[in-house]
Amino acid sequence: MFSLCFERARERIRFPPGRMAWHDRPMSEADPILTPRQLGFFSEWFVEVVWPSGRKERVDGFSSEAHARGWIAHESAAWIDEVRRPRR
């Protein structure tokens, strides 16, 4: 079996087959792409969310890239589920 490798700043992260995201659950084709971004040179970080439709959202309030990546790894799956939940 092949595994996807992602190189980032001298470290290698291996994803098992079927897992291609920072969170630990299989991605479906409808999952968004999550990317940490910095607002300016010395400013906050945010996570750019790009949905399969091309619509973009921003999740603000991160103090560093590591903080944003931590949110992607540990909390983004719950956020995605909440966003997808139908409103009453």
Protein backbone atom coordinates (compact mmCIF):
# COMPACT_ATOMS: atom_id res chain seq x y z
CA MET A 1 0.00 0.00 0.00
CA PHE A 2 1.14 3.48 -0.73
CA SER A 3 0.89 6.30 1.74
CA LEU A 4 0.78 9.98 0.96
CA CYS A 5 3.81 11.93 2.13
CA PHE A 6 3.69 15.62 2.82
CA GLU A 7 6.95 17.46 3.34
CA ARG A 8 6.90 20.55 5.51
CA ALA A 9 9.93 22.37 6.89
CA ARG A 10 12.25 19.38 7.24
CA GLU A 11 9.66 17.07 8.72
CA ARG A 12 7.72 14.40 6.97
CA ILE A 13 4.17 13.58 7.82
CA ARG A 14 2.84 10.28 6.53
CA PHE A 15 -0.86 9.83 6.01
CA PRO A 16 -2.17 6.27 5.84
CA PRO A 17 -4.09 5.36 2.68
CA GLY A 18 -7.47 7.08 2.61
CA ARG A 19 -6.40 9.82 5.04
CA MET A 20 -5.27 12.96 3.31
CA ALA A 21 -5.97 15.73 5.80
CA TRP A 22 -4.59 17.15 9.01
CA HIS A 23 -7.48 15.71 11.00
CA ASP A 24 -7.70 12.00 11.75
CA ARG A 25 -10.71 10.93 9.73
CA PRO A 26 -11.12 9.85 6.12
CA MET A 27 -11.76 12.75 3.80
CA SER A 28 -14.67 12.65 1.43
CA GLU A 29 -14.61 14.43 -1.89
CA ALA A 30 -16.79 17.13 -0.36
CA ASP A 31 -14.29 18.07 2.37
CA PRO A 32 -12.76 21.53 2.12
CA ILE A 33 -9.07 22.32 1.79
CA LEU A 34 -7.72 23.94 4.98
CA THR A 35 -4.61 26.12 4.77
CA PRO A 36 -2.97 28.25 7.49
CA ARG A 37 -2.30 31.82 6.28
CA GLN A 38 -0.81 34.92 7.85
CA LEU A 39 -2.67 38.24 7.66
CA GLY A 40 0.49 40.33 7.46
CA PHE A 41 4.18 40.16 8.26
CA PHE A 42 3.81 40.54 12.06
CA SER A 43 0.14 39.80 12.49
CA GLU A 44 -2.31 37.05 13.30
CA TRP A 45 -2.83 33.83 11.45
CA PHE A 46 -6.06 32.45 10.05
CA VAL A 47 -7.18 29.24 8.37
CA GLU A 48 -8.40 29.60 4.81
CA VAL A 49 -11.22 27.14 4.06
CA VAL A 50 -11.87 26.41 0.39
CA TRP A 51 -14.99 24.31 -0.22
CA PRO A 52 -15.28 22.05 -3.29
CA SER A 53 -17.65 24.63 -4.83
CA GLY A 54 -14.82 27.18 -4.72
CA ARG A 55 -16.43 29.22 -1.92
CA LYS A 56 -13.85 30.52 0.56
CA GLU A 57 -14.20 31.16 4.29
CA ARG A 58 -11.80 32.34 6.93
CA VAL A 59 -11.42 31.12 10.51
CA ASP A 60 -9.63 33.87 12.45
CA GLY A 61 -7.89 34.23 15.77
CA PHE A 62 -4.68 32.20 15.70
CA SER A 63 -1.48 33.56 17.21
CA SER A 64 0.92 31.43 15.15
CA GLU A 65 1.14 28.95 12.31
CA ALA A 66 1.49 26.15 14.87
CA HIS A 67 -1.71 27.31 16.59
CA ALA A 68 -3.57 27.29 13.24
CA ARG A 69 -2.18 23.86 12.31
CA GLY A 70 -3.18 22.55 15.75
CA TRP A 71 -6.75 23.72 15.16
CA ILE A 72 -6.74 22.03 11.76
CA ALA A 73 -5.44 18.80 13.28
CA HIS A 74 -7.66 18.66 16.35
CA GLU A 75 -10.73 20.85 15.92
CA SER A 76 -11.46 21.39 12.23
CA ALA A 77 -13.43 18.14 11.81
CA ALA A 78 -15.95 19.26 14.45
CA TRP A 79 -16.12 22.73 12.88
CA ILE A 80 -16.78 21.25 9.42
CA ASP A 81 -19.51 19.00 10.84
CA GLU A 82 -21.11 22.01 12.57
CA VAL A 83 -21.03 24.11 9.40
CA ARG A 84 -22.65 21.29 7.44
CA ARG A 85 -25.37 20.65 10.03
CA PRO A 86 -28.74 21.80 8.71
CA ARG A 87 -30.16 24.86 10.46
CA ARG A 88 -33.63 24.64 12.00
